[in-house]
Amino acid sequence: MRIGLHTGDVIEAGDDFFGTVVNKAARVATAAEPDEILASDATRVMIGGAHDFIFVDSTEVQLKEFKGSHMVRGLTWQT
């Protein structure tokens, strides 16, 4: 399983969500390794200093259909 997280405004239509935010989250997931959670820098900023989440291994990646490089970080959490 690979998980990609991105934060922003979405378009909601019934039970579905659309928009650039959804597309970017999918691209971040594609950049993840198996059994890895990656979060965009926007998500890291929104989570802030929450103690349940630990961000590790920041890296810049190219995301299909998005210009430039994008900072993503591995995410772990404590239970």
PDB file of N, CA and C in Angstrom:
ATOM      1  N   MET A   1       0.840  -1.164   0.000  1.00  0.00           N
ATOM      2  CA  MET A   1       0.000   0.000   0.000  1.00  0.00           C
ATOM      3  C   MET A   1       0.894   1.239   0.000  1.00  0.00           C
ATOM      4  N   ARG A   2       0.489   2.244  -0.743  1.00  0.00           N
ATOM      5  CA  ARG A   2       1.171   3.536  -0.795  1.00  0.00           C
ATOM      6  C   ARG A   2       0.132   4.603  -0.511  1.00  0.00           C
ATOM      7  N   ILE A   3       0.477   5.566   0.325  1.00  0.00           N
ATOM      8  CA  ILE A   3      -0.466   6.624   0.674  1.00  0.00           C
ATOM      9  C   ILE A   3       0.182   7.970   0.375  1.00  0.00           C
ATOM     10  N   GLY A   4      -0.573   8.853  -0.280  1.00  0.00           N
ATOM     11  CA  GLY A   4      -0.127  10.209  -0.549  1.00  0.00           C
ATOM     12  C   GLY A   4      -1.131  11.199  -0.007  1.00  0.00           C
ATOM     13  N   LEU A   5      -0.646  12.202   0.710  1.00  0.00           N
ATOM     14  CA  LEU A   5      -1.506  13.222   1.310  1.00  0.00           C
ATOM     15  C   LEU A   5      -1.163  14.595   0.764  1.00  0.00           C
ATOM     16  N   HIS A   6      -2.199  15.365   0.476  1.00  0.00           N
ATOM     17  CA  HIS A   6      -2.036  16.756   0.078  1.00  0.00           C
ATOM     18  C   HIS A   6      -3.227  17.526   0.633  1.00  0.00           C
ATOM     19  N   THR A   7      -3.017  18.789   0.937  1.00  0.00           N
ATOM     20  CA  THR A   7      -4.019  19.610   1.595  1.00  0.00           C
ATOM     21  C   THR A   7      -4.443  20.762   0.697  1.00  0.00           C
ATOM     22  N   GLY A   8      -5.745  21.052   0.680  1.00  0.00           N
ATOM     23  CA  GLY A   8      -6.249  22.189  -0.076  1.00  0.00           C
ATOM     24  C   GLY A   8      -7.742  22.071  -0.279  1.00  0.00           C
ATOM     25  N   ASP A   9      -8.281  22.961  -1.075  1.00  0.00           N
ATOM     26  CA  ASP A   9      -9.720  22.980  -1.367  1.00  0.00           C
ATOM     27  C   ASP A   9     -10.055  21.966  -2.445  1.00  0.00           C
ATOM     28  N   VAL A  10     -11.159  21.261  -2.255  1.00  0.00           N
ATOM     29  CA  VAL A  10     -11.612  20.272  -3.226  1.00  0.00           C
ATOM     30  C   VAL A  10     -12.989  20.635  -3.727  1.00  0.00           C
ATOM     31  N   ILE A  11     -13.370  20.008  -4.819  1.00  0.00           N
ATOM     32  CA  ILE A  11     -14.717  20.134  -5.354  1.00  0.00           C
ATOM     33  C   ILE A  11     -15.455  18.868  -4.961  1.00  0.00           C
ATOM     34  N   GLU A  12     -16.582  19.030  -4.277  1.00  0.00           N
ATOM     35  CA  GLU A  12     -17.366  17.878  -3.834  1.00  0.00           C
ATOM     36  C   GLU A  12     -18.634  17.784  -4.675  1.00  0.00           C
ATOM     37  N   ALA A  13     -18.879  16.595  -5.214  1.00  0.00           N
ATOM     38  CA  ALA A  13     -20.092  16.336  -5.992  1.00  0.00           C
ATOM     39  C   ALA A  13     -20.659  15.004  -5.516  1.00  0.00           C
ATOM     40  N   GLY A  14     -21.683  15.069  -4.692  1.00  0.00           N
ATOM     41  CA  GLY A  14     -22.238  13.846  -4.122  1.00  0.00           C
ATOM     42  C   GLY A  14     -21.226  13.202  -3.199  1.00  0.00           C
ATOM     43  N   ASP A  15     -20.890  11.958  -3.476  1.00  0.00           N
ATOM     44  CA  ASP A  15     -19.919  11.225  -2.661  1.00  0.00           C
ATOM     45  C   ASP A  15     -18.508  11.287  -3.240  1.00  0.00           C
ATOM     46  N   ASP A  16     -18.294  12.076  -4.287  1.00  0.00           N
ATOM     47  CA  ASP A  16     -16.995  12.144  -4.951  1.00  0.00           C
ATOM     48  C   ASP A  16     -16.326  13.488  -4.693  1.00  0.00           C
ATOM     49  N   PHE A  17     -15.000  13.467  -4.752  1.00  0.00           N
ATOM     50  CA  PHE A  17     -14.197  14.671  -4.617  1.00  0.00           C
ATOM     51  C   PHE A  17     -13.323  14.807  -5.856  1.00  0.00           C
ATOM     52  N   PHE A  18     -13.174  16.042  -6.344  1.00  0.00           N
ATOM     53  CA  PHE A  18     -12.438  16.315  -7.566  1.00  0.00           C
ATOM     54  C   PHE A  18     -11.509  17.498  -7.359  1.00  0.00           C
ATOM     55  N   GLY A  19     -10.645  17.707  -8.320  1.00  0.00           N
ATOM     56  CA  GLY A  19      -9.832  18.908  -8.355  1.00  0.00           C
ATOM     57  C   GLY A  19      -8.353  18.626  -8.285  1.00  0.00           C
ATOM     58  N   THR A  20      -7.597  19.709  -8.386  1.00  0.00           N
ATOM     59  CA  THR A  20      -6.153  19.634  -8.388  1.00  0.00           C
ATOM     60  C   THR A  20      -5.614  18.987  -7.119  1.00  0.00           C
ATOM     61  N   VAL A  21      -6.253  19.254  -5.989  1.00  0.00           N
ATOM     62  CA  VAL A  21      -5.794  18.690  -4.707  1.00  0.00           C
ATOM     63  C   VAL A  21      -5.850  17.169  -4.740  1.00  0.00           C
ATOM     64  N   VAL A  22      -6.921  16.624  -5.263  1.00  0.00           N
ATOM     65  CA  VAL A  22      -7.069  15.170  -5.353  1.00  0.00           C
ATOM     66  C   VAL A  22      -6.020  14.604  -6.303  1.00  0.00           C
ATOM     67  N   ASN A  23      -5.829  15.270  -7.433  1.00  0.00           N
ATOM     68  CA  ASN A  23      -4.830  14.807  -8.402  1.00  0.00           C
ATOM     69  C   ASN A  23      -3.423  14.841  -7.814  1.00  0.00           C
ATOM     70  N   LYS A  24      -3.100  15.895  -7.071  1.00  0.00           N
ATOM     71  CA  LYS A  24      -1.759  15.985  -6.498  1.00  0.00           C
ATOM     72  C   LYS A  24      -1.563  14.913  -5.423  1.00  0.00           C
ATOM     73  N   ALA A  25      -2.570  14.654  -4.607  1.00  0.00           N
ATOM     74  CA  ALA A  25      -2.460  13.585  -3.601  1.00  0.00           C
ATOM     75  C   ALA A  25      -2.192  12.248  -4.275  1.00  0.00           C
ATOM     76  N   ALA A  26      -2.842  11.999  -5.403  1.00  0.00           N
ATOM     77  CA  ALA A  26      -2.616  10.752  -6.140  1.00  0.00           C
ATOM     78  C   ALA A  26      -1.188  10.683  -6.668  1.00  0.00           C
ATOM     79  N   ARG A  27      -0.656  11.808  -7.135  1.00  0.00           N
ATOM     80  CA  ARG A  27       0.720  11.830  -7.644  1.00  0.00           C
ATOM     81  C   ARG A  27       1.725  11.644  -6.508  1.00  0.00           C
ATOM     82  N   VAL A  28       1.434  12.224  -5.339  1.00  0.00           N
ATOM     83  CA  VAL A  28       2.303  12.028  -4.178  1.00  0.00           C
ATOM     84  C   VAL A  28       2.307  10.551  -3.790  1.00  0.00           C
ATOM     85  N   ALA A  29       1.146   9.906  -3.841  1.00  0.00           N
ATOM     86  CA  ALA A  29       1.070   8.470  -3.540  1.00  0.00           C
ATOM     87  C   ALA A  29       1.917   7.665  -4.514  1.00  0.00           C
ATOM     88  N   THR A  30       1.914   8.058  -5.768  1.00  0.00           N
ATOM     89  CA  THR A  30       2.715   7.362  -6.777  1.00  0.00           C
ATOM     90  C   THR A  30       4.206   7.466  -6.469  1.00  0.00           C
ATOM     91  N   ALA A  31       4.623   8.573  -5.850  1.00  0.00           N
ATOM     92  CA  ALA A  31       6.035   8.763  -5.507  1.00  0.00           C
ATOM     93  C   ALA A  31       6.450   7.949  -4.282  1.00  0.00           C
ATOM     94  N   ALA A  32       5.478   7.450  -3.529  1.00  0.00           N
ATOM     95  CA  ALA A  32       5.781   6.683  -2.309  1.00  0.00           C
ATOM     96  C   ALA A  32       6.261   5.278  -2.653  1.00  0.00           C
ATOM     97  N   GLU A  33       7.079   4.749  -1.761  1.00  0.00           N
ATOM     98  CA  GLU A  33       7.500   3.353  -1.850  1.00  0.00           C
ATOM     99  C   GLU A  33       6.411   2.480  -1.230  1.00  0.00           C
ATOM    100  N   PRO A  34       6.445   1.159  -1.476  1.00  0.00           N
ATOM    101  CA  PRO A  34       5.473   0.277  -0.815  1.00  0.00           C
ATOM    102  C   PRO A  34       5.533   0.451   0.707  1.00  0.00           C
ATOM    103  N   ASP A  35       4.371   0.455   1.334  1.00  0.00           N
ATOM    104  CA  ASP A  35       4.234   0.611   2.792  1.00  0.00           C
ATOM    105  C   ASP A  35       4.751   1.957   3.297  1.00  0.00           C
ATOM    106  N   GLU A  36       4.664   2.994   2.463  1.00  0.00           N
ATOM    107  CA  GLU A  36       5.138   4.317   2.855  1.00  0.00           C
ATOM    108  C   GLU A  36       4.001   5.329   2.742  1.00  0.00           C
ATOM    109  N   ILE A  37       3.997   6.285   3.650  1.00  0.00           N
ATOM    110  CA  ILE A  37       3.091   7.426   3.588  1.00  0.00           C
ATOM    111  C   ILE A  37       3.937   8.644   3.267  1.00  0.00           C
ATOM    112  N   LEU A  38       3.578   9.358   2.203  1.00  0.00           N
ATOM    113  CA  LEU A  38       4.233  10.614   1.863  1.00  0.00           C
ATOM    114  C   LEU A  38       3.215  11.737   1.978  1.00  0.00           C
ATOM    115  N   ALA A  39       3.671  12.873   2.466  1.00  0.00           N
ATOM    116  CA  ALA A  39       2.819  14.055   2.595  1.00  0.00           C
ATOM    117  C   ALA A  39       3.476  15.221   1.868  1.00  0.00           C
ATOM    118  N   SER A  40       2.658  16.026   1.231  1.00  0.00           N
ATOM    119  CA  SER A  40       3.171  17.228   0.579  1.00  0.00           C
ATOM    120  C   SER A  40       3.581  18.230   1.660  1.00  0.00           C
ATOM    121  N   ASP A  41       4.370  19.217   1.259  1.00  0.00           N
ATOM    122  CA  ASP A  41       4.793  20.232   2.207  1.00  0.00           C
ATOM    123  C   ASP A  41       3.590  21.021   2.729  1.00  0.00           C
ATOM    124  N   ALA A  42       2.574  21.226   1.896  1.00  0.00           N
ATOM    125  CA  ALA A  42       1.367  21.928   2.347  1.00  0.00           C
ATOM    126  C   ALA A  42       0.700  21.172   3.496  1.00  0.00           C
ATOM    127  N   THR A  43       0.675  19.863   3.411  1.00  0.00           N
ATOM    128  CA  THR A  43       0.090  19.058   4.479  1.00  0.00           C
ATOM    129  C   THR A  43       0.938  19.156   5.739  1.00  0.00           C
ATOM    130  N   ARG A  44       2.252  19.122   5.588  1.00  0.00           N
ATOM    131  CA  ARG A  44       3.134  19.251   6.758  1.00  0.00           C
ATOM    132  C   ARG A  44       2.887  20.568   7.476  1.00  0.00           C
ATOM    133  N   VAL A  45       2.727  21.644   6.725  1.00  0.00           N
ATOM    134  CA  VAL A  45       2.474  22.955   7.320  1.00  0.00           C
ATOM    135  C   VAL A  45       1.130  22.953   8.059  1.00  0.00           C
ATOM    136  N   MET A  46       0.111  22.365   7.468  1.00  0.00           N
ATOM    137  CA  MET A  46      -1.222  22.330   8.102  1.00  0.00           C
ATOM    138  C   MET A  46      -1.221  21.508   9.389  1.00  0.00           C
ATOM    139  N   ILE A  47      -0.492  20.414   9.412  1.00  0.00           N
ATOM    140  CA  ILE A  47      -0.421  19.585  10.619  1.00  0.00           C
ATOM    141  C   ILE A  47       0.382  20.293  11.697  1.00  0.00           C
ATOM    142  N   GLY A  48       1.372  21.063  11.281  1.00  0.00           N
ATOM    143  CA  GLY A  48       2.168  21.836  12.223  1.00  0.00           C
ATOM    144  C   GLY A  48       2.931  20.958  13.188  1.00  0.00           C
ATOM    145  N   GLY A  49       2.859  21.305  14.447  1.00  0.00           N
ATOM    146  CA  GLY A  49       3.630  20.612  15.468  1.00  0.00           C
ATOM    147  C   GLY A  49       2.851  19.547  16.214  1.00  0.00           C
ATOM    148  N   ALA A  50       1.829  18.977  15.613  1.00  0.00           N
ATOM    149  CA  ALA A  50       1.069  17.923  16.282  1.00  0.00           C
ATOM    150  C   ALA A  50       2.003  16.793  16.686  1.00  0.00           C
ATOM    151  N   HIS A  51       1.947  16.402  17.924  1.00  0.00           N
ATOM    152  CA  HIS A  51       2.896  15.429  18.462  1.00  0.00           C
ATOM    153  C   HIS A  51       2.646  13.999  17.990  1.00  0.00           C
ATOM    154  N   ASP A  52       1.480  13.721  17.427  1.00  0.00           N
ATOM    155  CA  ASP A  52       1.171  12.364  16.974  1.00  0.00           C
ATOM    156  C   ASP A  52       1.809  12.040  15.627  1.00  0.00           C
ATOM    157  N   PHE A  53       2.315  13.060  14.924  1.00  0.00           N
ATOM    158  CA  PHE A  53       2.861  12.870  13.585  1.00  0.00           C
ATOM    159  C   PHE A  53       4.339  13.238  13.546  1.00  0.00           C
ATOM    160  N   ILE A  54       5.125  12.411  12.894  1.00  0.00           N
ATOM    161  CA  ILE A  54       6.555  12.666  12.762  1.00  0.00           C
ATOM    162  C   ILE A  54       6.893  12.653  11.270  1.00  0.00           C
ATOM    163  N   PHE A  55       7.452  13.761  10.794  1.00  0.00           N
ATOM    164  CA  PHE A  55       7.855  13.854   9.397  1.00  0.00           C
ATOM    165  C   PHE A  55       9.335  13.530   9.276  1.00  0.00           C
ATOM    166  N   VAL A  56       9.663  12.703   8.294  1.00  0.00           N
ATOM    167  CA  VAL A  56      11.039  12.257   8.095  1.00  0.00           C
ATOM    168  C   VAL A  56      11.396  12.317   6.610  1.00  0.00           C
ATOM    169  N   ASP A  57      12.662  12.272   6.318  1.00  0.00           N
ATOM    170  CA  ASP A  57      13.173  12.068   4.954  1.00  0.00           C
ATOM    171  C   ASP A  57      12.532  12.986   3.915  1.00  0.00           C
ATOM    172  N   SER A  58      12.726  14.288   4.055  1.00  0.00           N
ATOM    173  CA  SER A  58      12.199  15.190   3.030  1.00  0.00           C
ATOM    174  C   SER A  58      12.989  15.018   1.741  1.00  0.00           C
ATOM    175  N   THR A  59      12.269  15.111   0.634  1.00  0.00           N
ATOM    176  CA  THR A  59      12.907  14.984  -0.674  1.00  0.00           C
ATOM    177  C   THR A  59      12.090  15.756  -1.699  1.00  0.00           C
ATOM    178  N   GLU A  60      12.747  16.183  -2.755  1.00  0.00           N
ATOM    179  CA  GLU A  60      12.055  16.848  -3.858  1.00  0.00           C
ATOM    180  C   GLU A  60      11.786  15.830  -4.945  1.00  0.00           C
ATOM    181  N   VAL A  61      10.561  15.852  -5.467  1.00  0.00           N
ATOM    182  CA  VAL A  61      10.173  14.913  -6.516  1.00  0.00           C
ATOM    183  C   VAL A  61       9.502  15.670  -7.656  1.00  0.00           C
ATOM    184  N   GLN A  62       9.507  15.059  -8.809  1.00  0.00           N
ATOM    185  CA  GLN A  62       8.742  15.541  -9.956  1.00  0.00           C
ATOM    186  C   GLN A  62       7.400  14.807  -9.918  1.00  0.00           C
ATOM    187  N   LEU A  63       6.320  15.536 -10.081  1.00  0.00           N
ATOM    188  CA  LEU A  63       4.993  14.928 -10.090  1.00  0.00           C
ATOM    189  C   LEU A  63       4.374  15.110 -11.465  1.00  0.00           C
ATOM    190  N   LYS A  64       3.967  14.015 -12.065  1.00  0.00           N
ATOM    191  CA  LYS A  64       3.378  14.039 -13.405  1.00  0.00           C
ATOM    192  C   LYS A  64       2.244  15.060 -13.445  1.00  0.00           C
ATOM    193  N   GLU A  65       2.256  15.883 -14.483  1.00  0.00           N
ATOM    194  CA  GLU A  65       1.255  16.908 -14.754  1.00  0.00           C
ATOM    195  C   GLU A  65       1.353  18.127 -13.834  1.00  0.00           C
ATOM    196  N   PHE A  66       2.397  18.196 -12.986  1.00  0.00           N
ATOM    197  CA  PHE A  66       2.623  19.360 -12.133  1.00  0.00           C
ATOM    198  C   PHE A  66       4.014  19.900 -12.434  1.00  0.00           C
ATOM    199  N   LYS A  67       4.109  21.197 -12.703  1.00  0.00           N
ATOM    200  CA  LYS A  67       5.381  21.808 -13.074  1.00  0.00           C
ATOM    201  C   LYS A  67       6.335  21.878 -11.883  1.00  0.00           C
ATOM    202  N   GLY A  68       7.620  21.808 -12.176  1.00  0.00           N
ATOM    203  CA  GLY A  68       8.651  21.993 -11.169  1.00  0.00           C
ATOM    204  C   GLY A  68       8.809  20.798 -10.244  1.00  0.00           C
ATOM    205  N   SER A  69       9.610  21.009  -9.199  1.00  0.00           N
ATOM    206  CA  SER A  69       9.803  19.955  -8.210  1.00  0.00           C
ATOM    207  C   SER A  69       8.950  20.267  -6.985  1.00  0.00           C
ATOM    208  N   HIS A  70       8.612  19.230  -6.237  1.00  0.00           N
ATOM    209  CA  HIS A  70       7.715  19.355  -5.094  1.00  0.00           C
ATOM    210  C   HIS A  70       8.326  18.647  -3.893  1.00  0.00           C
ATOM    211  N   MET A  71       8.300  19.318  -2.751  1.00  0.00           N
ATOM    212  CA  MET A  71       8.834  18.751  -1.519  1.00  0.00           C
ATOM    213  C   MET A  71       7.802  17.796  -0.921  1.00  0.00           C
ATOM    214  N   VAL A  72       8.239  16.588  -0.649  1.00  0.00           N
ATOM    215  CA  VAL A  72       7.404  15.616   0.054  1.00  0.00           C
ATOM    216  C   VAL A  72       8.210  15.072   1.228  1.00  0.00           C
ATOM    217  N   ARG A  73       7.500  14.579   2.220  1.00  0.00           N
ATOM    218  CA  ARG A  73       8.151  14.043   3.418  1.00  0.00           C
ATOM    219  C   ARG A  73       7.474  12.750   3.822  1.00  0.00           C
ATOM    220  N   GLY A  74       8.282  11.820   4.291  1.00  0.00           N
ATOM    221  CA  GLY A  74       7.724  10.608   4.867  1.00  0.00           C
ATOM    222  C   GLY A  74       6.972  10.973   6.139  1.00  0.00           C
ATOM    223  N   LEU A  75       5.937  10.237   6.439  1.00  0.00           N
ATOM    224  CA  LEU A  75       5.109  10.513   7.614  1.00  0.00           C
ATOM    225  C   LEU A  75       4.923   9.246   8.430  1.00  0.00           C
ATOM    226  N   THR A  76       5.155   9.351   9.713  1.00  0.00           N
ATOM    227  CA  THR A  76       4.842   8.284  10.639  1.00  0.00           C
ATOM    228  C   THR A  76       3.997   8.879  11.753  1.00  0.00           C
ATOM    229  N   TRP A  77       3.300   8.041  12.478  1.00  0.00           N
ATOM    230  CA  TRP A  77       2.537   8.555  13.612  1.00  0.00           C
ATOM    231  C   TRP A  77       2.636   7.597  14.779  1.00  0.00           C
ATOM    232  N   GLN A  78       2.446   8.161  15.946  1.00  0.00           N
ATOM    233  CA  GLN A  78       2.492   7.367  17.163  1.00  0.00           C
ATOM    234  C   GLN A  78       1.072   7.100  17.627  1.00  0.00           C
ATOM    235  N   THR A  79       0.848   5.882  18.125  1.00  0.00           N
ATOM    236  CA  THR A  79      -0.486   5.550  18.626  1.00  0.00           C
ATOM    237  C   THR A  79      -0.457   5.389  20.126  1.00  0.00           C
TER     238      THR A  79
END
